Amino acid sequence: VALAIADGKKLERLCNQQIAQSEEWERKAILALDNDREDLAKEALLRKQEYDHLAKQYKEQWEAQHSAVEELKGTLRQLQQKIEEAQRKKNMLIARVKRAEAQKKVQSTITGLDDSSAFEAFDQMTAKVEQIEAEADALKEMEKDRQEEDTIEKQFKALEYSEASADILLADLKTKMARLEDQRPPDQDEDTKNSGNG
């Protein structure tokens, strides 16, 4: 299309050049007549006629080229529209293919899982959950037993500590009392008796 437009511009320029030459030779013919030179006027008119003929030919070619260019533009627009339509259809087909593939994949997955396998999977999951629950209960029971055992041990330790403390306190008390006994002064009668003997 670009080349056709360029050719049309070229033909238009040539046509205008021939018209300009024709007008120039017409001016010269008038000049010759003004100077009583009919022979030169005739020659100038013949040249003008030649350029008129060439201008007519170039104009016809230029008009034909212009029509061809317009037709090419129309064809190009139609082609562009068809290309865009084809692209839209292609995108739609791609989307349909992807959707069909996704549906096929889902259907294959569903088909692969029959009723028995589905129930087996469910039973396995149930058994696993029950196993986890049982382990949790066992751990809870073990923790409870450990806590009870710790409590009993603490009670015995408390008793042992209390008994030992009581024994120590009792021994201390006895020691203190014995010490006080040793520190008591002798009886008064004993003092009188000793003085009489002297």
N, C-alpha and C. Protein backbone atom coordinates (compact mmCIF):
# COMPACT_ATOMS: atom_id res chain seq x y z
N VAL A 1 0.84 -1.20 0.00
CA VAL A 1 0.00 0.00 0.00
C VAL A 1 0.88 1.26 0.00
N ALA A 2 1.93 1.25 0.79
CA ALA A 2 2.82 2.42 0.85
C ALA A 2 3.46 2.69 -0.50
N LEU A 3 3.89 1.62 -1.18
CA LEU A 3 4.49 1.78 -2.52
C LEU A 3 3.47 2.30 -3.51
N ALA A 4 2.24 1.80 -3.43
CA ALA A 4 1.18 2.25 -4.34
C ALA A 4 0.88 3.73 -4.11
N ILE A 5 0.86 4.15 -2.86
CA ILE A 5 0.63 5.57 -2.56
C ILE A 5 1.77 6.42 -3.11
N ALA A 6 3.01 5.93 -2.96
CA ALA A 6 4.18 6.66 -3.48
C ALA A 6 4.10 6.80 -5.00
N ASP A 7 3.71 5.71 -5.68
CA ASP A 7 3.56 5.76 -7.15
C ASP A 7 2.49 6.76 -7.54
N GLY A 8 1.40 6.81 -6.79
CA GLY A 8 0.32 7.75 -7.08
C GLY A 8 0.78 9.19 -6.93
N LYS A 9 1.57 9.45 -5.87
CA LYS A 9 2.11 10.79 -5.67
C LYS A 9 3.02 11.19 -6.83
N LYS A 10 3.81 10.22 -7.30
CA LYS A 10 4.74 10.49 -8.41
C LYS A 10 3.96 10.84 -9.68
N LEU A 11 2.91 10.08 -9.99
CA LEU A 11 2.09 10.35 -11.18
C LEU A 11 1.40 11.71 -11.07
N GLU A 12 0.95 12.05 -9.86
CA GLU A 12 0.30 13.36 -9.66
C GLU A 12 1.30 14.48 -9.92
N ARG A 13 2.53 14.30 -9.44
CA ARG A 13 3.56 15.32 -9.65
C ARG A 13 3.89 15.47 -11.14
N LEU A 14 4.02 14.35 -11.88
CA LEU A 14 4.30 14.40 -13.33
C LEU A 14 3.17 15.07 -14.09
N CYS A 15 1.94 14.78 -13.68
CA CYS A 15 0.77 15.39 -14.33
C CYS A 15 0.80 16.91 -14.16
N ASN A 16 1.10 17.35 -12.94
CA ASN A 16 1.16 18.79 -12.68
C ASN A 16 2.30 19.45 -13.46
N GLN A 17 3.41 18.70 -13.61
CA GLN A 17 4.53 19.25 -14.39
C GLN A 17 4.12 19.45 -15.86
N GLN A 18 3.38 18.48 -16.42
CA GLN A 18 2.94 18.60 -17.84
C GLN A 18 1.97 19.76 -18.00
N ILE A 19 1.09 19.94 -17.03
CA ILE A 19 0.14 21.05 -17.08
C ILE A 19 0.90 22.38 -17.03
N ALA A 20 1.92 22.45 -16.18
CA ALA A 20 2.72 23.68 -16.08
C ALA A 20 3.43 23.96 -17.39
N GLN A 21 3.98 22.92 -18.03
CA GLN A 21 4.66 23.10 -19.33
C GLN A 21 3.66 23.54 -20.39
N SER A 22 2.47 22.96 -20.36
CA SER A 22 1.43 23.34 -21.34
C SER A 22 1.08 24.83 -21.20
N GLU A 23 0.93 25.27 -19.96
CA GLU A 23 0.61 26.68 -19.72
C GLU A 23 1.76 27.58 -20.16
N GLU A 24 3.00 27.09 -19.95
CA GLU A 24 4.17 27.87 -20.36
C GLU A 24 4.20 28.06 -21.89
N TRP A 25 3.95 26.97 -22.63
CA TRP A 25 3.97 27.07 -24.09
C TRP A 25 2.80 27.88 -24.61
N GLU A 26 1.70 27.88 -23.93
CA GLU A 26 0.57 28.73 -24.31
C GLU A 26 0.95 30.21 -24.13
N ARG A 27 1.66 30.51 -23.05
CA ARG A 27 2.12 31.87 -22.82
C ARG A 27 3.08 32.31 -23.94
N LYS A 28 3.95 31.37 -24.37
CA LYS A 28 4.90 31.68 -25.44
C LYS A 28 4.17 31.90 -26.77
N ALA A 29 3.12 31.14 -27.02
CA ALA A 29 2.34 31.30 -28.26
C ALA A 29 1.70 32.69 -28.30
N ILE A 30 1.18 33.11 -27.16
CA ILE A 30 0.58 34.45 -27.07
C ILE A 30 1.65 35.51 -27.32
N LEU A 31 2.83 35.30 -26.75
CA LEU A 31 3.93 36.24 -26.93
C LEU A 31 4.33 36.33 -28.41
N ALA A 32 4.36 35.19 -29.09
CA ALA A 32 4.72 35.16 -30.52
C ALA A 32 3.69 35.90 -31.35
N LEU A 33 2.40 35.71 -31.06
CA LEU A 33 1.36 36.41 -31.80
C LEU A 33 1.44 37.92 -31.58
N ASP A 34 1.78 38.30 -30.35
CA ASP A 34 1.91 39.73 -30.06
C ASP A 34 3.03 40.35 -30.88
N ASN A 35 3.99 39.52 -31.25
CA ASN A 35 5.12 40.00 -32.04
C ASN A 35 4.98 39.60 -33.52
N ASP A 36 3.75 39.30 -33.95
CA ASP A 36 3.47 38.93 -35.35
C ASP A 36 4.33 37.77 -35.82
N ARG A 37 4.53 36.79 -34.94
CA ARG A 37 5.30 35.59 -35.32
C ARG A 37 4.38 34.38 -35.23
N GLU A 38 3.53 34.24 -36.27
CA GLU A 38 2.57 33.14 -36.28
C GLU A 38 3.26 31.79 -36.36
N ASP A 39 4.41 31.76 -37.04
CA ASP A 39 5.12 30.49 -37.16
C ASP A 39 5.57 29.99 -35.79
N LEU A 40 6.09 30.92 -34.98
CA LEU A 40 6.50 30.53 -33.61
C LEU A 40 5.28 30.22 -32.74
N ALA A 41 4.20 30.95 -33.01
CA ALA A 41 2.98 30.70 -32.24
C ALA A 41 2.46 29.30 -32.51
N LYS A 42 2.47 28.89 -33.80
CA LYS A 42 2.03 27.53 -34.15
C LYS A 42 2.91 26.47 -33.48
N GLU A 43 4.24 26.72 -33.52
CA GLU A 43 5.19 25.77 -32.89
C GLU A 43 4.92 25.66 -31.38
N ALA A 44 4.66 26.81 -30.79
CA ALA A 44 4.39 26.80 -29.35
C ALA A 44 3.10 26.06 -29.05
N LEU A 45 2.09 26.24 -29.89
CA LEU A 45 0.81 25.56 -29.68
C LEU A 45 0.94 24.05 -29.86
N LEU A 46 1.81 23.63 -30.82
CA LEU A 46 2.05 22.19 -31.00
C LEU A 46 2.69 21.58 -29.74
N ARG A 47 3.69 22.34 -29.20
CA ARG A 47 4.33 21.87 -27.96
C ARG A 47 3.30 21.81 -26.81
N LYS A 48 2.44 22.84 -26.79
CA LYS A 48 1.41 22.86 -25.74
C LYS A 48 0.50 21.65 -25.87
N GLN A 49 0.18 21.31 -27.11
CA GLN A 49 -0.69 20.16 -27.35
C GLN A 49 -0.04 18.86 -26.85
N GLU A 50 1.27 18.75 -27.09
CA GLU A 50 1.99 17.55 -26.63
C GLU A 50 1.92 17.43 -25.10
N TYR A 51 2.16 18.56 -24.43
CA TYR A 51 2.14 18.53 -22.96
C TYR A 51 0.72 18.30 -22.43
N ASP A 52 -0.27 18.83 -23.17
CA ASP A 52 -1.66 18.56 -22.77
C ASP A 52 -1.96 17.07 -22.86
N HIS A 53 -1.46 16.45 -23.93
CA HIS A 53 -1.68 15.01 -24.13
C HIS A 53 -0.99 14.21 -23.01
N LEU A 54 0.26 14.59 -22.71
CA LEU A 54 1.00 13.90 -21.64
C LEU A 54 0.31 14.11 -20.28
N ALA A 55 -0.15 15.35 -20.05
CA ALA A 55 -0.82 15.64 -18.79
C ALA A 55 -2.08 14.79 -18.64
N LYS A 56 -2.82 14.63 -19.77
CA LYS A 56 -4.03 13.81 -19.74
C LYS A 56 -3.71 12.36 -19.40
N GLN A 57 -2.63 11.84 -20.04
CA GLN A 57 -2.23 10.45 -19.78
C GLN A 57 -1.82 10.25 -18.30
N TYR A 58 -0.99 11.19 -17.81
CA TYR A 58 -0.55 11.08 -16.41
C TYR A 58 -1.73 11.20 -15.44
N LYS A 59 -2.69 12.07 -15.82
CA LYS A 59 -3.86 12.23 -14.96
C LYS A 59 -4.68 10.95 -14.90
N GLU A 60 -4.86 10.32 -16.08
CA GLU A 60 -5.60 9.06 -16.13
C GLU A 60 -4.90 7.98 -15.29
N GLN A 61 -3.56 7.92 -15.43
CA GLN A 61 -2.79 6.93 -14.66
C GLN A 61 -2.87 7.23 -13.15
N TRP A 62 -2.79 8.54 -12.85
CA TRP A 62 -2.83 8.92 -11.43
C TRP A 62 -4.20 8.58 -10.82
N GLU A 63 -5.29 8.86 -11.56
CA GLU A 63 -6.63 8.54 -11.07
C GLU A 63 -6.81 7.04 -10.90
N ALA A 64 -6.28 6.28 -11.88
CA ALA A 64 -6.36 4.82 -11.78
C ALA A 64 -5.57 4.32 -10.56
N GLN A 65 -4.38 4.92 -10.38
CA GLN A 65 -3.55 4.54 -9.23
C GLN A 65 -4.24 4.90 -7.92
N HIS A 66 -4.88 6.07 -7.91
CA HIS A 66 -5.60 6.51 -6.70
C HIS A 66 -6.72 5.53 -6.36
N SER A 67 -7.46 5.10 -7.39
CA SER A 67 -8.53 4.12 -7.16
C SER A 67 -7.96 2.80 -6.64
N ALA A 68 -6.82 2.40 -7.23
CA ALA A 68 -6.18 1.16 -6.80
C ALA A 68 -5.74 1.26 -5.34
N VAL A 69 -5.20 2.45 -4.98
CA VAL A 69 -4.75 2.65 -3.60
C VAL A 69 -5.93 2.55 -2.64
N GLU A 70 -7.03 3.20 -2.99
CA GLU A 70 -8.21 3.15 -2.12
C GLU A 70 -8.72 1.72 -1.98
N GLU A 71 -8.68 1.00 -3.11
CA GLU A 71 -9.11 -0.41 -3.06
C GLU A 71 -8.19 -1.24 -2.17
N LEU A 72 -6.88 -0.95 -2.30
CA LEU A 72 -5.91 -1.66 -1.46
C LEU A 72 -6.13 -1.35 0.02
N LYS A 73 -6.43 -0.08 0.30
CA LYS A 73 -6.69 0.30 1.69
C LYS A 73 -7.90 -0.45 2.25
N GLY A 74 -8.95 -0.52 1.41
CA GLY A 74 -10.14 -1.26 1.84
C GLY A 74 -9.84 -2.73 2.08
N THR A 75 -9.06 -3.31 1.14
CA THR A 75 -8.68 -4.72 1.30
C THR A 75 -7.84 -4.93 2.55
N LEU A 76 -6.94 -3.97 2.80
CA LEU A 76 -6.09 -4.07 3.99
C LEU A 76 -6.92 -3.99 5.27
N ARG A 77 -7.92 -3.09 5.27
CA ARG A 77 -8.79 -2.98 6.44
C ARG A 77 -9.55 -4.29 6.67
N GLN A 78 -10.07 -4.85 5.58
CA GLN A 78 -10.78 -6.13 5.70
C GLN A 78 -9.87 -7.23 6.22
N LEU A 79 -8.63 -7.23 5.68
CA LEU A 79 -7.66 -8.24 6.12
C LEU A 79 -7.34 -8.08 7.60
N GLN A 80 -7.19 -6.82 8.02
CA GLN A 80 -6.90 -6.56 9.43
C GLN A 80 -8.05 -7.04 10.32
N GLN A 81 -9.27 -6.77 9.86
CA GLN A 81 -10.44 -7.22 10.62
C GLN A 81 -10.48 -8.74 10.72
N LYS A 82 -10.15 -9.41 9.60
CA LYS A 82 -10.14 -10.88 9.61
C LYS A 82 -9.05 -11.41 10.54
N ILE A 83 -7.89 -10.73 10.53
CA ILE A 83 -6.80 -11.16 11.43
C ILE A 83 -7.23 -11.01 12.89
N GLU A 84 -7.87 -9.87 13.20
CA GLU A 84 -8.33 -9.65 14.58
C GLU A 84 -9.39 -10.67 14.97
N GLU A 85 -10.29 -10.96 14.02
CA GLU A 85 -11.33 -11.96 14.30
C GLU A 85 -10.71 -13.34 14.51
N ALA A 86 -9.71 -13.67 13.68
CA ALA A 86 -9.03 -14.95 13.83
C ALA A 86 -8.32 -15.04 15.18
N GLN A 87 -7.73 -13.91 15.62
CA GLN A 87 -7.05 -13.89 16.92
C GLN A 87 -8.05 -14.11 18.05
N ARG A 88 -9.22 -13.46 17.92
CA ARG A 88 -10.26 -13.65 18.95
C ARG A 88 -10.71 -15.10 19.00
N LYS A 89 -10.92 -15.68 17.81
CA LYS A 89 -11.34 -17.09 17.76
C LYS A 89 -10.26 -18.00 18.34
N LYS A 90 -9.01 -17.67 18.05
CA LYS A 90 -7.90 -18.46 18.58
C LYS A 90 -7.89 -18.41 20.11
N ASN A 91 -8.06 -17.20 20.66
CA ASN A 91 -8.08 -17.06 22.12
C ASN A 91 -9.24 -17.83 22.73
N MET A 92 -10.40 -17.79 22.04
CA MET A 92 -11.56 -18.53 22.53
C MET A 92 -11.29 -20.03 22.50
N LEU A 93 -10.66 -20.50 21.43
CA LEU A 93 -10.34 -21.93 21.31
C LEU A 93 -9.36 -22.35 22.39
N ILE A 94 -8.36 -21.50 22.65
CA ILE A 94 -7.38 -21.82 23.70
C ILE A 94 -8.08 -21.94 25.05
N ALA A 95 -8.99 -21.00 25.31
CA ALA A 95 -9.73 -21.03 26.58
C ALA A 95 -10.58 -22.30 26.67
N ARG A 96 -11.22 -22.67 25.55
CA ARG A 96 -12.05 -23.88 25.56
C ARG A 96 -11.21 -25.12 25.78
N VAL A 97 -10.02 -25.15 25.14
CA VAL A 97 -9.13 -26.31 25.31
C VAL A 97 -8.68 -26.43 26.77
N LYS A 98 -8.30 -25.30 27.36
CA LYS A 98 -7.86 -25.33 28.77
C LYS A 98 -8.99 -25.78 29.69
N ARG A 99 -10.20 -25.27 29.41
CA ARG A 99 -11.34 -25.66 30.23
C ARG A 99 -11.64 -27.15 30.08
N ALA A 100 -11.55 -27.63 28.84
CA ALA A 100 -11.80 -29.06 28.59
C ALA A 100 -10.75 -29.92 29.27
N GLU A 101 -9.49 -29.48 29.23
CA GLU A 101 -8.42 -30.24 29.88
C GLU A 101 -8.63 -30.29 31.39
N ALA A 102 -9.06 -29.16 31.96
CA ALA A 102 -9.31 -29.12 33.41
C ALA A 102 -10.46 -30.06 33.78
N GLN A 103 -11.53 -30.03 32.97
CA GLN A 103 -12.66 -30.92 33.23
C GLN A 103 -12.25 -32.38 33.10
N LYS A 104 -11.42 -32.66 32.10
CA LYS A 104 -10.94 -34.03 31.89
C LYS A 104 -10.12 -34.50 33.08
N LYS A 105 -9.27 -33.61 33.60
CA LYS A 105 -8.43 -33.97 34.74
C LYS A 105 -9.27 -34.27 35.96
N VAL A 106 -10.28 -33.41 36.21
CA VAL A 106 -11.17 -33.64 37.35
C VAL A 106 -11.92 -34.94 37.19
N GLN A 107 -12.43 -35.18 35.97
CA GLN A 107 -13.19 -36.40 35.71
C GLN A 107 -12.32 -37.63 35.89
N SER A 108 -11.06 -37.54 35.44
CA SER A 108 -10.14 -38.67 35.60
C SER A 108 -9.89 -38.96 37.07
N THR A 109 -9.76 -37.90 37.85
CA THR A 109 -9.55 -38.07 39.30
C THR A 109 -10.75 -38.74 39.94
N ILE A 110 -11.95 -38.27 39.56
CA ILE A 110 -13.17 -38.85 40.12
C ILE A 110 -13.31 -40.31 39.70
N THR A 111 -13.02 -40.58 38.42
CA THR A 111 -13.12 -41.95 37.92
C THR A 111 -12.13 -42.86 38.62
N GLY A 112 -10.94 -42.34 38.89
CA GLY A 112 -9.91 -43.14 39.56
C GLY A 112 -10.28 -43.50 40.98
N LEU A 113 -11.13 -42.68 41.60
CA LEU A 113 -11.56 -42.97 42.97
C LEU A 113 -12.95 -43.60 42.94
N ASP A 114 -13.02 -44.94 42.91
CA ASP A 114 -14.32 -45.59 42.97
C ASP A 114 -14.82 -45.60 44.41
N ASP A 115 -16.02 -46.14 44.61
CA ASP A 115 -16.64 -46.10 45.94
C ASP A 115 -15.82 -46.83 46.98
N SER A 116 -15.32 -48.01 46.62
CA SER A 116 -14.58 -48.82 47.59
C SER A 116 -13.31 -48.11 48.04
N SER A 117 -12.58 -47.55 47.08
CA SER A 117 -11.34 -46.86 47.45
C SER A 117 -11.64 -45.62 48.28
N ALA A 118 -12.76 -44.96 47.98
CA ALA A 118 -13.13 -43.79 48.77
C ALA A 118 -13.43 -44.18 50.21
N PHE A 119 -14.18 -45.29 50.38
CA PHE A 119 -14.49 -45.76 51.73
C PHE A 119 -13.24 -46.24 52.44
N GLU A 120 -12.34 -46.90 51.70
CA GLU A 120 -11.08 -47.35 52.30
C GLU A 120 -10.28 -46.16 52.81
N ALA A 121 -10.22 -45.12 52.00
CA ALA A 121 -9.48 -43.93 52.41
C ALA A 121 -10.12 -43.31 53.65
N PHE A 122 -11.46 -43.29 53.67
CA PHE A 122 -12.16 -42.74 54.83
C PHE A 122 -11.89 -43.58 56.08
N ASP A 123 -11.93 -44.92 55.91
CA ASP A 123 -11.67 -45.81 57.05
C ASP A 123 -10.25 -45.63 57.57
N GLN A 124 -9.30 -45.48 56.64
CA GLN A 124 -7.91 -45.27 57.06
C GLN A 124 -7.78 -43.97 57.86
N MET A 125 -8.44 -42.93 57.37
CA MET A 125 -8.39 -41.65 58.08
C MET A 125 -9.01 -41.78 59.47
N THR A 126 -10.15 -42.50 59.55
CA THR A 126 -10.82 -42.69 60.84
C THR A 126 -9.93 -43.45 61.81
N ALA A 127 -9.31 -44.53 61.31
CA ALA A 127 -8.42 -45.33 62.16
C ALA A 127 -7.24 -44.50 62.65
N LYS A 128 -6.72 -43.66 61.77
CA LYS A 128 -5.58 -42.82 62.16
C LYS A 128 -5.98 -41.84 63.26
N VAL A 129 -7.16 -41.25 63.11
CA VAL A 129 -7.65 -40.31 64.12
C VAL A 129 -7.85 -41.02 65.46
N GLU A 130 -8.45 -42.23 65.40
CA GLU A 130 -8.67 -42.99 66.64
C GLU A 130 -7.35 -43.35 67.30
N GLN A 131 -6.35 -43.71 66.49
CA GLN A 131 -5.03 -44.04 67.03
C GLN A 131 -4.42 -42.83 67.75
N ILE A 132 -4.53 -41.67 67.12
CA ILE A 132 -4.00 -40.44 67.73
C ILE A 132 -4.73 -40.14 69.04
N GLU A 133 -6.07 -40.30 69.03
CA GLU A 133 -6.84 -40.06 70.25
C GLU A 133 -6.43 -41.02 71.36
N ALA A 134 -6.23 -42.31 71.02
CA ALA A 134 -5.82 -43.30 72.02
C ALA A 134 -4.46 -42.95 72.60
N GLU A 135 -3.53 -42.55 71.74
CA GLU A 135 -2.21 -42.16 72.22
C GLU A 135 -2.30 -40.95 73.15
N ALA A 136 -3.17 -40.02 72.80
CA ALA A 136 -3.34 -38.83 73.64
C ALA A 136 -3.91 -39.22 75.00
N ASP A 137 -4.90 -40.13 75.01
CA ASP A 137 -5.47 -40.59 76.28
C ASP A 137 -4.43 -41.30 77.12
N ALA A 138 -3.60 -42.13 76.48
CA ALA A 138 -2.55 -42.85 77.21
C ALA A 138 -1.56 -41.89 77.84
N LEU A 139 -1.15 -40.89 77.07
CA LEU A 139 -0.23 -39.90 77.61
C LEU A 139 -0.84 -39.14 78.78
N LYS A 140 -2.14 -38.82 78.66
CA LYS A 140 -2.83 -38.12 79.73
C LYS A 140 -2.87 -38.98 81.00
N GLU A 141 -3.16 -40.29 80.82
CA GLU A 141 -3.22 -41.21 81.96
C GLU A 141 -1.85 -41.34 82.63
N MET A 142 -0.81 -41.46 81.79
CA MET A 142 0.55 -41.57 82.33
C MET A 142 0.94 -40.31 83.11
N GLU A 143 0.57 -39.18 82.60
CA GLU A 143 0.86 -37.92 83.29
C GLU A 143 0.12 -37.85 84.62
N LYS A 144 -1.11 -38.33 84.63
CA LYS A 144 -1.90 -38.33 85.87
C LYS A 144 -1.25 -39.24 86.91
N ASP A 145 -0.83 -40.46 86.47
CA ASP A 145 -0.17 -41.40 87.39
C ASP A 145 1.12 -40.79 87.94
N ARG A 146 1.87 -40.15 87.06
CA ARG A 146 3.13 -39.54 87.50
C ARG A 146 2.88 -38.46 88.53
N GLN A 147 1.84 -37.66 88.28
CA GLN A 147 1.52 -36.60 89.23
C GLN A 147 1.09 -37.17 90.58
N GLU A 148 0.30 -38.28 90.55
CA GLU A 148 -0.13 -38.92 91.80
C GLU A 148 1.07 -39.48 92.56
N GLU A 149 1.98 -40.11 91.81
CA GLU A 149 3.17 -40.68 92.43
C GLU A 149 4.02 -39.58 93.06
N ASP A 150 4.14 -38.47 92.35
CA ASP A 150 4.89 -37.34 92.90
C ASP A 150 4.24 -36.83 94.18
N THR A 151 2.92 -36.80 94.19
CA THR A 151 2.19 -36.32 95.37
C THR A 151 2.44 -37.22 96.57
N ILE A 152 2.37 -38.56 96.36
CA ILE A 152 2.61 -39.52 97.45
C ILE A 152 4.03 -39.37 97.99
N GLU A 153 4.99 -39.25 97.06
CA GLU A 153 6.38 -39.08 97.49
C GLU A 153 6.55 -37.81 98.32
N LYS A 154 5.89 -36.77 97.89
CA LYS A 154 5.97 -35.50 98.63
C LYS A 154 5.38 -35.65 100.03
N GLN A 155 4.26 -36.41 100.11
CA GLN A 155 3.63 -36.61 101.42
C GLN A 155 4.56 -37.36 102.37
N PHE A 156 5.18 -38.45 101.85
CA PHE A 156 6.11 -39.21 102.68
C PHE A 156 7.30 -38.37 103.10
N LYS A 157 7.80 -37.59 102.18
CA LYS A 157 8.94 -36.72 102.52
C LYS A 157 8.55 -35.73 103.60
N ALA A 158 7.32 -35.23 103.49
CA ALA A 158 6.84 -34.28 104.51
C ALA A 158 6.76 -34.95 105.88
N LEU A 159 6.23 -36.20 105.86
CA LEU A 159 6.13 -36.95 107.13
C LEU A 159 7.51 -37.21 107.71
N GLU A 160 8.42 -37.68 106.84
CA GLU A 160 9.78 -37.97 107.30
C GLU A 160 10.44 -36.71 107.86
N TYR A 161 10.22 -35.62 107.17
CA TYR A 161 10.82 -34.37 107.61
C TYR A 161 10.24 -33.96 108.96
N SER A 162 8.91 -34.12 109.12
CA SER A 162 8.25 -33.74 110.38
C SER A 162 8.73 -34.61 111.53
N GLU A 163 8.84 -35.95 111.30
CA GLU A 163 9.27 -36.87 112.36
C GLU A 163 10.71 -36.58 112.76
N ALA A 164 11.56 -36.38 111.76
CA ALA A 164 12.97 -36.08 112.06
C ALA A 164 13.08 -34.78 112.83
N SER A 165 12.30 -33.80 112.44
CA SER A 165 12.34 -32.51 113.14
C SER A 165 11.89 -32.67 114.59
N ALA A 166 10.85 -33.49 114.79
CA ALA A 166 10.36 -33.71 116.17
C ALA A 166 11.42 -34.39 117.02
N ASP A 167 12.11 -35.39 116.45
CA ASP A 167 13.18 -36.08 117.19
C ASP A 167 14.29 -35.11 117.57
N ILE A 168 14.65 -34.27 116.63
CA ILE A 168 15.73 -33.30 116.89
C ILE A 168 15.31 -32.33 117.98
N LEU A 169 14.07 -31.83 117.85
CA LEU A 169 13.57 -30.89 118.86
C LEU A 169 13.52 -31.52 120.25
N LEU A 170 13.09 -32.81 120.30
CA LEU A 170 13.00 -33.51 121.58
C LEU A 170 14.39 -33.68 122.20
N ALA A 171 15.34 -34.06 121.36
CA ALA A 171 16.72 -34.23 121.86
C ALA A 171 17.28 -32.91 122.37
N ASP A 172 17.00 -31.85 121.62
CA ASP A 172 17.47 -30.52 122.05
C ASP A 172 16.86 -30.15 123.40
N LEU A 173 15.58 -30.44 123.53
CA LEU A 173 14.89 -30.10 124.78
C LEU A 173 15.48 -30.86 125.97
N LYS A 174 15.75 -32.15 125.76
CA LYS A 174 16.35 -32.96 126.83
C LYS A 174 17.72 -32.43 127.20
N THR A 175 18.49 -32.07 126.23
CA THR A 175 19.83 -31.52 126.50
C THR A 175 19.73 -30.23 127.29
N LYS A 176 18.82 -29.38 126.89
CA LYS A 176 18.63 -28.11 127.58
C LYS A 176 18.20 -28.33 129.02
N MET A 177 17.30 -29.28 129.25
CA MET A 177 16.81 -29.55 130.61
C MET A 177 17.93 -30.11 131.47
N ALA A 178 18.75 -30.97 130.91
CA ALA A 178 19.88 -31.54 131.67
C ALA A 178 20.84 -30.45 132.06
N ARG A 179 21.06 -29.52 131.15
CA ARG A 179 21.96 -28.42 131.43
C ARG A 179 21.42 -27.56 132.56
N LEU A 180 20.13 -27.31 132.55
CA LEU A 180 19.50 -26.52 133.61
C LEU A 180 19.59 -27.24 134.95
N GLU A 181 19.44 -28.52 134.91
CA GLU A 181 19.53 -29.33 136.14
C GLU A 181 20.90 -29.20 136.77
N ASP A 182 21.92 -29.21 135.94
CA ASP A 182 23.29 -29.09 136.44
C ASP A 182 23.55 -27.72 137.03
N GLN A 183 22.87 -26.72 136.51
CA GLN A 183 23.13 -25.35 136.96
C GLN A 183 22.31 -24.97 138.20
N ARG A 184 21.42 -25.80 138.70
CA ARG A 184 20.60 -25.45 139.87
C ARG A 184 21.47 -25.43 141.12
N PRO A 185 21.29 -24.46 142.07
CA PRO A 185 22.08 -24.41 143.31
C PRO A 185 21.70 -25.58 144.23
N PRO A 186 22.58 -25.98 145.20
CA PRO A 186 22.27 -27.10 146.11
C PRO A 186 21.12 -26.72 147.03
N ASP A 187 20.47 -27.73 147.67
CA ASP A 187 19.32 -27.46 148.56
C ASP A 187 19.81 -26.74 149.81
N GLN A 188 18.93 -25.94 150.44
CA GLN A 188 19.26 -25.18 151.66
C GLN A 188 19.60 -26.10 152.82
N ASP A 189 18.91 -27.20 152.95
CA ASP A 189 19.16 -28.16 154.03
C ASP A 189 20.56 -28.68 153.95
N GLU A 190 20.99 -28.89 152.74
CA GLU A 190 22.34 -29.43 152.55
C GLU A 190 23.36 -28.43 153.01
N ASP A 191 23.08 -27.17 152.85
CA ASP A 191 24.01 -26.12 153.29
C ASP A 191 24.07 -26.05 154.82
N THR A 192 22.91 -26.17 155.50
CA THR A 192 22.86 -26.11 156.98
C THR A 192 23.61 -27.27 157.60
N LYS A 193 23.40 -28.42 156.97
CA LYS A 193 24.06 -29.62 157.47
C LYS A 193 25.57 -29.46 157.39
N ASN A 194 26.01 -28.96 156.36
CA ASN A 194 27.45 -28.79 156.18
C ASN A 194 28.02 -27.80 157.18
N SER A 195 27.25 -26.72 157.50
CA SER A 195 27.74 -25.71 158.44
C SER A 195 27.78 -26.26 159.86
N GLY A 196 26.86 -27.11 160.35
CA GLY A 196 26.82 -27.70 161.67
C GLY A 196 28.00 -28.61 161.90
N ASN A 197 28.35 -29.31 160.89
CA ASN A 197 29.47 -30.23 161.01
C ASN A 197 30.77 -29.46 161.18
N GLY A 198 30.83 -28.31 160.81
CA GLY A 198 32.05 -27.53 160.90
C GLY A 198 32.22 -27.00 162.24
